[in-house]
Amino acid sequence: MTYGVDEYQRRTPKGRAAWERAAKLIPGGVGSAIQFKQPYPMYIGDSRGSRVWDLDGNEYIDYSLCYAAMVAGHANPVIVEAIKRQAEHGTLYGLPTTLAGDLAEEIIRRYEGVIDMVRFTQSGVEATQTAIRLARAATGRKTIVKIEGQYHGGTDHLLVSIGGAPADAIGPDDHPRSTADSAGLLPASTEYTAVVQFNDLDQMGRAFDEHDGDVAGVIVEPAMTNGGVIPPLPGYLEGVRELCTRKGAVMIMDEVKLGCRIAPGGATEHWGVKGDVVTLAKAIGGGVPVGAFGGRRELMEQISPLGSAVHFGTYNANPLGMAAGLACLTKVMTDDAYKEMTRLTTRLADGMRDALKETGVAAHVVQVNTLGGIFFGLEGQPNNFREAAKNDTAKWDDYWFGMLNRGVIPMGSAWFEEFSMSAQHTDEDVDRTLQAFEDCLRAIA
């Protein structure tokens, strides 16, 4: 039995009842598979600032933040007011508003010299799906190269080798095999998706050689956030950029999690490598479903109605999402806000490292500005998904439930997620979290 599960069940009887009812009506009782956690998922009743409350009234400091999406914190009053103001005038028109242009202008300002034009979607998966369609349309080629373990949403051609296949199916370390991570995928999903390990330029070059003349593009999350946070090694992103340029392939920087979160201009600003197309979501919506993809003008003008690469969506650029996103990026996520969030995340990460040394628990903590991760049983930083997957998942579960029972949601409810900071977290939150972390480590050591 995982440490803390009995206590979790004792504290959440209303949550269990809610799940038992929902499970009869909704597969797993959840809206997304990642929301499910044995023995049953947590059901939230309220949220505000850096805190959420479950149905039983238990309070938690939240570092999951809906998988890093709630960069402005919960129920941020600036964003709430923007949503209320827009709702009074309507929530959906099916016709354009000036809000979309305003938000596009702000994104282009943040990604100056990289994004010339933007199209909005309702989610990150739609953004990445359309980005690979655009790469294929622009090049006339079929193959997309992706990184093993990186998650780009549930579209068929990218739901490949995200870490769910059996060990005997994934191939050797130096030559990963494309594996389908869902039933119902056609063979073309793996046939036209080549897979390489993160931080390995030799494998990337070989993928181009093996699909000579047919690589439409490379989609890469600049730092992996589906493996507990794995930063790029020095020169890696630059090497991918050079290879794409030389081979005429489209470099897609998937910044769905990182974009406008770790810096005003996201990973592009932080690491200084410019993709041809950037995909965004989460932070740009201020807590409302908004996604986007943008890039060089000559590429983006191939999107319909200007070009032949089709992009539709009834809810795209809806005024409610545009109003929330605009308030988030222009009024909440200022330069000072990023600096303060990074300072708090550094305090948290450093304090966790100190507690690990004090208690003798073997684990590695990593931080990239406002995001971080923890790997139990690893002494150093993993450089790819296979190395990260050696994380002690049993000890990680003990940690997750132990923190939950002490009033902290430490990160998303799977070992490969991350912890993140919002614009509404405080030093008091960090102090309480570090005390809970030390107490938890001593209990599970």
Protein backbone atom coordinates (compact mmCIF):
# COMPACT_ATOMS: atom_id res chain seq x y z
CA MET A 1 0.00 0.00 0.00
CA THR A 2 1.32 3.43 -0.96
CA TYR A 3 2.12 5.56 2.06
CA GLY A 4 -0.67 8.06 2.76
CA VAL A 5 -3.45 6.48 0.69
CA ASP A 6 -5.48 5.43 3.76
CA GLU A 7 -5.22 8.94 5.17
CA TYR A 8 -6.23 10.44 1.82
CA GLN A 9 -9.36 8.25 1.76
CA ARG A 10 -10.21 9.16 5.34
CA ARG A 11 -10.01 12.87 4.50
CA THR A 12 -12.04 12.75 1.27
CA PRO A 13 -15.33 10.80 1.69
CA LYS A 14 -17.32 13.35 -0.33
CA GLY A 15 -14.73 13.16 -3.07
CA ARG A 16 -15.07 9.39 -3.21
CA ALA A 17 -18.87 9.66 -3.37
CA ALA A 18 -18.60 12.18 -6.22
CA TRP A 19 -16.26 9.87 -8.13
CA GLU A 20 -18.49 6.82 -7.63
CA ARG A 21 -21.41 8.73 -9.10
CA ALA A 22 -19.37 10.18 -11.98
CA ALA A 23 -17.79 6.82 -12.83
CA LYS A 24 -21.24 5.50 -13.77
CA LEU A 25 -21.72 8.35 -16.23
CA ILE A 26 -18.26 9.32 -17.49
CA PRO A 27 -15.44 6.87 -18.40
CA GLY A 28 -13.26 6.72 -15.31
CA GLY A 29 -15.27 9.57 -13.81
CA VAL A 30 -12.82 12.06 -15.33
CA GLY A 31 -12.65 14.37 -18.34
CA SER A 32 -9.11 13.30 -19.24
CA ALA A 33 -7.19 10.13 -18.40
CA ILE A 34 -4.42 12.12 -16.70
CA GLN A 35 -6.95 13.34 -14.10
CA PHE A 36 -7.44 9.80 -12.79
CA LYS A 37 -5.36 8.68 -9.82
CA GLN A 38 -5.83 5.49 -7.79
CA PRO A 39 -7.78 4.91 -5.59
CA TYR A 40 -9.93 7.77 -6.96
CA PRO A 41 -9.26 11.29 -8.23
CA MET A 42 -9.52 14.44 -6.15
CA TYR A 43 -12.64 16.47 -6.81
CA ILE A 44 -12.29 20.25 -6.45
CA GLY A 45 -15.01 22.46 -5.05
CA ASP A 46 -13.40 25.91 -5.06
CA SER A 47 -10.19 27.75 -5.86
CA ARG A 48 -8.62 31.14 -5.27
CA GLY A 49 -5.12 32.53 -5.64
CA SER A 50 -2.57 29.80 -4.94
CA ARG A 51 -5.11 27.53 -3.20
CA VAL A 52 -7.79 25.00 -4.05
CA TRP A 53 -10.34 23.30 -1.80
CA ASP A 54 -11.70 19.79 -2.34
CA LEU A 55 -15.33 18.79 -1.82
CA ASP A 56 -14.57 17.90 1.79
CA GLY A 57 -13.25 21.40 2.50
CA ASN A 58 -9.56 20.44 2.69
CA GLU A 59 -7.29 23.30 1.61
CA TYR A 60 -4.25 22.80 -0.61
CA ILE A 61 -1.44 25.00 -1.90
CA ASP A 62 -1.52 24.13 -5.60
CA TYR A 63 1.65 23.58 -7.63
CA SER A 64 -0.01 21.49 -10.31
CA LEU A 65 -1.97 24.52 -11.53
CA CYS A 66 -3.79 22.43 -14.14
CA TYR A 67 -0.50 21.16 -15.57
CA ALA A 68 1.08 24.64 -15.49
CA ALA A 69 -1.82 26.34 -17.29
CA MET A 70 -2.93 28.55 -14.39
CA VAL A 71 0.05 30.87 -14.60
CA ALA A 72 -2.00 33.76 -13.21
CA GLY A 73 -3.29 31.67 -10.31
CA HIS A 74 -6.85 30.65 -9.58
CA ALA A 75 -9.72 33.11 -9.99
CA ASN A 76 -7.32 35.97 -10.57
CA PRO A 77 -9.48 39.08 -10.08
CA VAL A 78 -8.04 40.82 -13.14
CA ILE A 79 -9.01 37.92 -15.38
CA VAL A 80 -12.36 37.36 -13.64
CA GLU A 81 -13.26 40.98 -14.34
CA ALA A 82 -12.23 40.67 -17.99
CA ILE A 83 -14.39 37.57 -18.42
CA LYS A 84 -17.39 39.20 -16.71
CA ARG A 85 -17.07 42.32 -18.83
CA GLN A 86 -16.94 40.34 -22.06
CA ALA A 87 -19.73 37.94 -21.03
CA GLU A 88 -22.08 40.91 -20.69
CA HIS A 89 -21.61 41.50 -24.42
CA GLY A 90 -21.67 37.85 -25.52
CA THR A 91 -19.44 34.80 -25.42
CA LEU A 92 -19.49 33.50 -28.99
CA TYR A 93 -20.22 35.12 -32.33
CA GLY A 94 -18.72 32.98 -35.06
CA LEU A 95 -17.37 36.25 -36.45
CA PRO A 96 -14.11 38.06 -35.68
CA THR A 97 -13.56 40.66 -32.97
CA THR A 98 -10.74 43.13 -32.38
CA LEU A 99 -9.76 41.17 -29.25
CA ALA A 100 -8.10 38.48 -31.36
CA GLY A 101 -5.95 41.07 -33.09
CA ASP A 102 -5.01 42.59 -29.74
CA LEU A 103 -3.93 39.23 -28.31
CA ALA A 104 -2.10 38.31 -31.54
CA GLU A 105 -0.22 41.61 -31.37
CA GLU A 106 0.89 40.88 -27.79
CA ILE A 107 2.11 37.38 -28.70
CA ILE A 108 3.98 38.71 -31.74
CA ARG A 109 5.58 41.38 -29.53
CA ARG A 110 6.82 38.70 -27.14
CA TYR A 111 8.10 36.52 -30.00
CA GLU A 112 9.56 39.32 -32.10
CA GLY A 113 11.51 38.06 -35.09
CA VAL A 114 10.00 34.58 -34.78
CA ILE A 115 6.22 34.95 -35.05
CA ASP A 116 4.86 37.25 -37.77
CA MET A 117 1.31 35.90 -37.83
CA VAL A 118 -0.84 33.88 -35.41
CA ARG A 119 -3.89 31.65 -35.67
CA PHE A 120 -5.87 30.78 -32.53
CA THR A 121 -7.21 27.36 -31.58
CA GLN A 122 -9.06 26.03 -28.55
CA SER A 123 -6.28 23.77 -27.28
CA GLY A 124 -2.66 22.79 -27.56
CA VAL A 125 -3.51 19.57 -29.38
CA GLU A 126 -5.25 21.53 -32.15
CA ALA A 127 -2.25 23.85 -32.38
CA THR A 128 0.27 21.03 -32.79
CA GLN A 129 -2.02 19.10 -35.12
CA THR A 130 -2.32 22.07 -37.46
CA ALA A 131 1.40 22.85 -37.18
CA ILE A 132 2.37 19.44 -38.55
CA ARG A 133 -0.28 19.78 -41.27
CA LEU A 134 1.29 23.12 -42.19
CA ALA A 135 4.78 21.61 -42.26
CA ARG A 136 3.62 18.89 -44.64
CA ALA A 137 1.76 21.38 -46.82
CA ALA A 138 4.74 23.74 -47.00
CA THR A 139 7.28 21.03 -47.90
CA GLY A 140 5.23 18.46 -49.79
CA ARG A 141 6.80 15.79 -47.56
CA LYS A 142 5.24 13.26 -45.19
CA THR A 143 7.53 12.38 -42.27
CA ILE A 144 7.54 14.19 -38.92
CA VAL A 145 10.40 13.61 -36.47
CA LYS A 146 9.42 13.70 -32.80
CA ILE A 147 11.19 13.08 -29.50
CA GLU A 148 10.60 9.89 -27.53
CA GLY A 149 8.61 10.68 -24.40
CA GLN A 150 7.51 14.12 -25.50
CA TYR A 151 3.76 14.68 -25.48
CA HIS A 152 2.24 17.00 -28.08
CA GLY A 153 -1.43 16.25 -27.51
CA GLY A 154 -3.71 13.46 -28.60
CA THR A 155 -3.63 13.86 -32.38
CA ASP A 156 -3.00 10.50 -34.09
CA HIS A 157 0.35 11.27 -35.75
CA LEU A 158 1.82 12.56 -32.48
CA LEU A 159 0.33 10.03 -30.06
CA VAL A 160 3.44 7.99 -30.78
CA SER A 161 6.23 6.92 -28.42
CA ILE A 162 5.12 9.11 -25.52
CA GLY A 163 6.23 6.52 -22.96
CA GLY A 164 3.32 4.11 -22.73
CA ALA A 165 4.62 1.17 -24.76
CA PRO A 166 6.05 -2.02 -23.18
CA ALA A 167 9.82 -2.12 -22.77
CA ASP A 168 10.20 -4.89 -25.36
CA ALA A 169 8.49 -2.75 -28.03
CA ILE A 170 10.39 0.53 -27.84
CA GLY A 171 13.63 -0.59 -29.47
CA PRO A 172 17.25 -0.06 -28.36
CA ASP A 173 18.51 3.14 -26.74
CA ASP A 174 20.44 4.20 -29.82
CA HIS A 175 17.57 3.53 -32.24
CA PRO A 176 14.11 3.98 -30.71
CA ARG A 177 11.15 2.43 -32.47
CA SER A 178 7.96 4.34 -33.27
CA THR A 179 5.23 2.82 -31.12
CA ALA A 180 1.50 3.57 -31.08
CA ASP A 181 0.35 4.76 -27.67
CA SER A 182 -3.34 4.15 -28.23
CA ALA A 183 -5.64 1.58 -29.74
CA GLY A 184 -7.32 2.80 -32.89
CA LEU A 185 -4.28 4.39 -34.57
CA LEU A 186 -3.67 3.57 -38.22
CA PRO A 187 -0.26 2.18 -39.29
CA ALA A 188 0.46 5.51 -40.98
CA SER A 189 0.67 7.13 -37.57
CA THR A 190 3.92 5.31 -36.80
CA GLU A 191 5.05 4.91 -40.41
CA TYR A 192 5.30 8.66 -40.96
CA THR A 193 6.43 9.60 -37.44
CA ALA A 194 10.13 8.99 -36.83
CA VAL A 195 11.25 8.87 -33.20
CA VAL A 196 14.58 9.87 -31.63
CA GLN A 197 15.77 10.45 -28.08
CA PHE A 198 15.99 13.94 -26.61
CA ASN A 199 19.40 15.61 -26.45
CA ASP A 200 20.89 13.29 -29.10
CA LEU A 201 21.87 15.08 -32.31
CA ASP A 202 23.36 11.92 -33.82
CA GLN A 203 19.97 10.22 -33.67
CA MET A 204 18.31 13.32 -35.11
CA GLY A 205 20.74 13.35 -38.02
CA ARG A 206 20.21 9.65 -38.66
CA ALA A 207 16.44 10.14 -38.77
CA PHE A 208 16.93 12.64 -41.59
CA ASP A 209 19.23 10.20 -43.38
CA GLU A 210 16.82 7.28 -43.04
CA HIS A 211 13.96 9.39 -44.40
CA ASP A 212 16.12 11.25 -46.89
CA GLY A 213 14.19 13.99 -48.66
CA ASP A 214 10.91 13.18 -46.89
CA VAL A 215 11.21 14.93 -43.50
CA ALA A 216 8.57 17.66 -43.46
CA GLY A 217 9.46 18.86 -40.01
CA VAL A 218 10.74 18.27 -36.50
CA ILE A 219 8.47 18.92 -33.54
CA VAL A 220 10.37 19.44 -30.31
CA GLU A 221 9.47 20.69 -26.87
CA PRO A 222 12.57 22.79 -26.03
CA ALA A 223 12.62 21.33 -22.51
CA MET A 224 10.77 18.10 -21.89
CA THR A 225 7.85 18.50 -19.49
CA ASN A 226 6.51 14.99 -19.92
CA GLY A 227 9.54 13.54 -18.18
CA GLY A 228 9.74 15.48 -14.93
CA VAL A 229 11.36 18.51 -16.67
CA ILE A 230 14.47 17.79 -18.74
CA PRO A 231 16.34 20.85 -20.09
CA PRO A 232 18.19 20.76 -23.42
CA LEU A 233 21.92 20.15 -23.32
CA PRO A 234 24.08 23.05 -24.53
CA GLY A 235 24.04 23.15 -28.32
CA TYR A 236 21.18 20.69 -28.77
CA LEU A 237 18.46 23.09 -29.91
CA GLU A 238 20.99 24.96 -32.03
CA GLY A 239 21.92 21.67 -33.69
CA VAL A 240 18.30 20.82 -34.46
CA ARG A 241 17.83 24.31 -35.89
CA GLU A 242 20.87 23.97 -38.16
CA LEU A 243 19.80 20.54 -39.36
CA CYS A 244 16.26 21.69 -40.21
CA THR A 245 17.62 24.69 -42.10
CA ARG A 246 20.10 22.60 -44.04
CA LYS A 247 17.55 19.92 -44.92
CA GLY A 248 14.68 22.26 -45.71
CA ALA A 249 12.46 20.97 -42.90
CA VAL A 250 10.14 23.01 -40.67
CA MET A 251 11.27 23.31 -37.04
CA ILE A 252 8.19 23.33 -34.79
CA MET A 253 8.87 24.56 -31.27
CA ASP A 254 6.12 23.14 -29.08
CA GLU A 255 5.76 25.72 -26.32
CA VAL A 256 2.29 24.67 -25.18
CA LYS A 257 3.56 24.43 -21.59
CA LEU A 258 6.64 26.65 -21.76
CA GLY A 259 5.33 29.50 -23.86
CA CYS A 260 4.77 32.79 -21.99
CA ARG A 261 5.33 30.83 -18.75
CA ILE A 262 9.06 30.46 -18.10
CA ALA A 263 9.75 33.91 -19.61
CA PRO A 264 7.72 36.58 -21.42
CA GLY A 265 8.83 35.05 -24.73
CA GLY A 266 8.86 31.51 -23.39
CA ALA A 267 11.50 28.97 -24.35
CA THR A 268 12.38 30.91 -27.49
CA GLU A 269 13.51 33.83 -25.36
CA HIS A 270 15.11 31.67 -22.67
CA TRP A 271 17.29 29.54 -24.97
CA GLY A 272 17.49 31.94 -27.91
CA VAL A 273 16.74 29.39 -30.65
CA LYS A 274 14.12 30.37 -33.23
CA GLY A 275 11.72 27.82 -34.63
CA ASP A 276 9.82 28.23 -37.89
CA VAL A 277 6.51 27.60 -36.15
CA VAL A 278 5.71 27.96 -32.44
CA THR A 279 2.72 26.29 -30.78
CA LEU A 280 1.20 27.86 -27.68
CA ALA A 281 -1.65 27.24 -25.21
CA LYS A 282 -2.13 27.11 -21.42
CA ALA A 283 -0.54 30.39 -20.20
CA ILE A 284 -1.87 32.47 -23.11
CA GLY A 285 -5.49 31.76 -22.13
CA GLY A 286 -5.46 32.98 -18.54
CA GLY A 287 -7.32 29.86 -17.42
CA VAL A 288 -9.74 29.74 -20.37
CA PRO A 289 -9.19 27.21 -23.22
CA VAL A 290 -7.01 29.00 -25.79
CA GLY A 291 -4.30 27.64 -28.07
CA ALA A 292 -2.35 29.15 -30.93
CA PHE A 293 0.27 28.51 -33.56
CA GLY A 294 2.34 31.15 -35.25
CA GLY A 295 5.41 31.59 -37.38
CA ARG A 296 7.00 33.22 -40.36
CA ARG A 297 4.63 35.09 -42.65
CA GLU A 298 5.42 32.98 -45.73
CA LEU A 299 4.49 29.84 -43.81
CA MET A 300 1.40 31.22 -42.11
CA GLU A 301 0.03 32.56 -45.41
CA GLN A 302 -0.34 28.94 -46.51
CA ILE A 303 -3.19 28.60 -43.98
CA SER A 304 -6.73 28.90 -45.37
CA PRO A 305 -8.30 31.11 -46.60
CA LEU A 306 -5.00 32.46 -47.97
CA GLY A 307 -3.54 29.04 -48.75
CA SER A 308 -4.51 25.40 -49.11
CA ALA A 309 -3.66 24.14 -45.59
CA VAL A 310 -7.08 24.02 -43.96
CA HIS A 311 -7.73 25.33 -40.45
CA PHE A 312 -11.28 25.57 -39.08
CA GLY A 313 -12.86 25.81 -35.62
CA THR A 314 -16.18 27.17 -34.39
CA TYR A 315 -14.71 28.23 -31.05
CA ASN A 316 -11.39 29.54 -32.35
CA ALA A 317 -10.60 33.10 -31.21
CA ASN A 318 -13.88 33.30 -29.29
CA PRO A 319 -14.22 36.62 -27.46
CA LEU A 320 -14.31 35.11 -23.97
CA GLY A 321 -10.95 33.35 -24.43
CA MET A 322 -9.42 36.35 -26.16
CA ALA A 323 -10.48 38.68 -23.33
CA ALA A 324 -9.09 36.35 -20.66
CA GLY A 325 -5.83 35.77 -22.53
CA LEU A 326 -5.31 39.46 -23.20
CA ALA A 327 -5.86 40.34 -19.52
CA CYS A 328 -3.46 37.59 -18.48
CA LEU A 329 -0.59 38.55 -20.77
CA THR A 330 -0.89 42.34 -20.61
CA LYS A 331 -2.04 42.98 -17.03
CA VAL A 332 -0.93 40.01 -14.91
CA MET A 333 2.17 38.53 -16.55
CA THR A 334 4.44 41.56 -16.41
CA ASP A 335 8.23 41.42 -16.37
CA ASP A 336 8.13 41.88 -12.60
CA ALA A 337 5.70 38.99 -12.25
CA TYR A 338 8.06 36.63 -14.09
CA LYS A 339 10.97 37.72 -11.91
CA GLU A 340 9.01 37.17 -8.71
CA MET A 341 7.71 33.76 -9.81
CA THR A 342 11.22 32.67 -10.73
CA ARG A 343 12.53 33.87 -7.37
CA LEU A 344 9.88 31.86 -5.51
CA THR A 345 10.51 28.76 -7.63
CA THR A 346 14.23 29.03 -6.93
CA ARG A 347 13.50 29.29 -3.19
CA LEU A 348 11.30 26.22 -3.41
CA ALA A 349 13.78 24.14 -5.45
CA ASP A 350 16.76 25.11 -3.27
CA GLY A 351 14.78 24.36 -0.11
CA MET A 352 13.80 20.95 -1.46
CA ARG A 353 17.46 20.17 -2.18
CA ASP A 354 18.41 21.19 1.36
CA ALA A 355 15.67 18.96 2.83
CA LEU A 356 16.82 16.00 0.74
CA LYS A 357 20.37 16.40 2.06
CA GLU A 358 19.12 16.79 5.63
CA THR A 359 16.96 13.64 5.50
CA GLY A 360 19.27 11.53 3.36
CA VAL A 361 16.59 10.75 0.78
CA ALA A 362 18.08 10.21 -2.69
CA ALA A 363 16.41 12.44 -5.26
CA HIS A 364 17.29 15.07 -7.84
CA VAL A 365 15.45 18.40 -8.13
CA VAL A 366 15.54 20.37 -11.37
CA GLN A 367 14.31 23.91 -12.06
CA VAL A 368 13.76 25.93 -15.23
CA ASN A 369 12.64 29.40 -14.13
CA THR A 370 8.99 28.94 -13.01
CA LEU A 371 8.86 25.15 -13.51
CA GLY A 372 10.55 22.27 -11.71
CA GLY A 373 10.57 18.52 -11.21
CA ILE A 374 11.84 15.84 -8.86
CA PHE A 375 13.31 12.41 -9.61
CA PHE A 376 13.45 9.94 -6.71
CA GLY A 377 16.34 7.52 -6.69
CA LEU A 378 18.36 9.49 -9.25
CA GLU A 379 21.53 11.29 -8.20
CA GLY A 380 21.78 13.53 -11.25
CA GLN A 381 19.81 15.12 -14.07
CA PRO A 382 18.45 12.71 -16.71
CA ASN A 383 18.90 13.82 -20.30
CA ASN A 384 16.11 11.87 -21.97
CA PHE A 385 12.88 10.05 -21.18
CA ARG A 386 14.46 6.62 -20.71
CA GLU A 387 16.86 7.96 -18.11
CA ALA A 388 14.03 9.84 -16.38
CA ALA A 389 11.86 6.72 -16.30
CA LYS A 390 14.37 5.11 -13.91
CA ASN A 391 12.78 7.37 -11.30
CA ASP A 392 11.54 5.42 -8.24
CA THR A 393 7.82 5.67 -8.95
CA ALA A 394 6.80 3.92 -5.71
CA LYS A 395 8.71 6.50 -3.67
CA TRP A 396 7.25 9.23 -5.88
CA ASP A 397 3.70 8.06 -5.06
CA ASP A 398 4.58 8.08 -1.35
CA TYR A 399 5.76 11.66 -1.77
CA TRP A 400 2.67 12.77 -3.71
CA PHE A 401 0.13 11.40 -1.23
CA GLY A 402 2.28 12.46 1.72
CA MET A 403 2.29 16.04 0.51
CA LEU A 404 -1.41 15.93 -0.32
CA ASN A 405 -2.24 14.90 3.23
CA ARG A 406 -0.18 17.88 4.46
CA GLY A 407 -2.16 20.39 2.43
CA VAL A 408 -0.01 20.65 -0.71
CA ILE A 409 -0.65 19.47 -4.27
CA PRO A 410 3.06 19.16 -5.09
CA MET A 411 2.65 18.71 -8.87
CA GLY A 412 0.49 16.82 -11.35
CA SER A 413 -0.48 13.34 -10.16
CA ALA A 414 2.08 11.38 -12.21
CA TRP A 415 5.87 11.18 -11.82
CA PHE A 416 6.49 12.70 -15.25
CA GLU A 417 4.65 15.95 -14.43
CA GLU A 418 6.16 19.13 -13.00
CA PHE A 419 5.61 21.66 -10.26
CA SER A 420 4.89 25.24 -11.28
CA MET A 421 4.53 28.65 -9.72
CA SER A 422 1.77 31.18 -10.30
CA ALA A 423 1.61 34.96 -10.05
CA GLN A 424 -0.40 34.57 -6.83
CA HIS A 425 1.96 32.31 -4.84
CA THR A 426 3.78 33.90 -1.90
CA ASP A 427 6.79 33.35 0.34
CA GLU A 428 4.37 32.05 2.99
CA ASP A 429 3.23 29.37 0.53
CA VAL A 430 6.84 28.34 -0.05
CA ASP A 431 7.59 28.26 3.69
CA ARG A 432 4.60 26.01 4.37
CA THR A 433 5.46 23.79 1.40
CA LEU A 434 9.06 23.29 2.48
CA GLN A 435 7.98 22.36 6.00
CA ALA A 436 5.49 19.86 4.58
CA PHE A 437 8.18 18.50 2.26
CA GLU A 438 10.66 17.91 5.07
CA ASP A 439 7.99 16.26 7.25
CA CYS A 440 6.94 14.08 4.32
CA LEU A 441 10.53 13.00 3.58
CA ARG A 442 11.10 12.00 7.20
CA ALA A 443 7.90 9.96 7.17
CA ILE A 444 8.73 8.03 4.01
CA ALA A 445 12.52 7.77 4.41
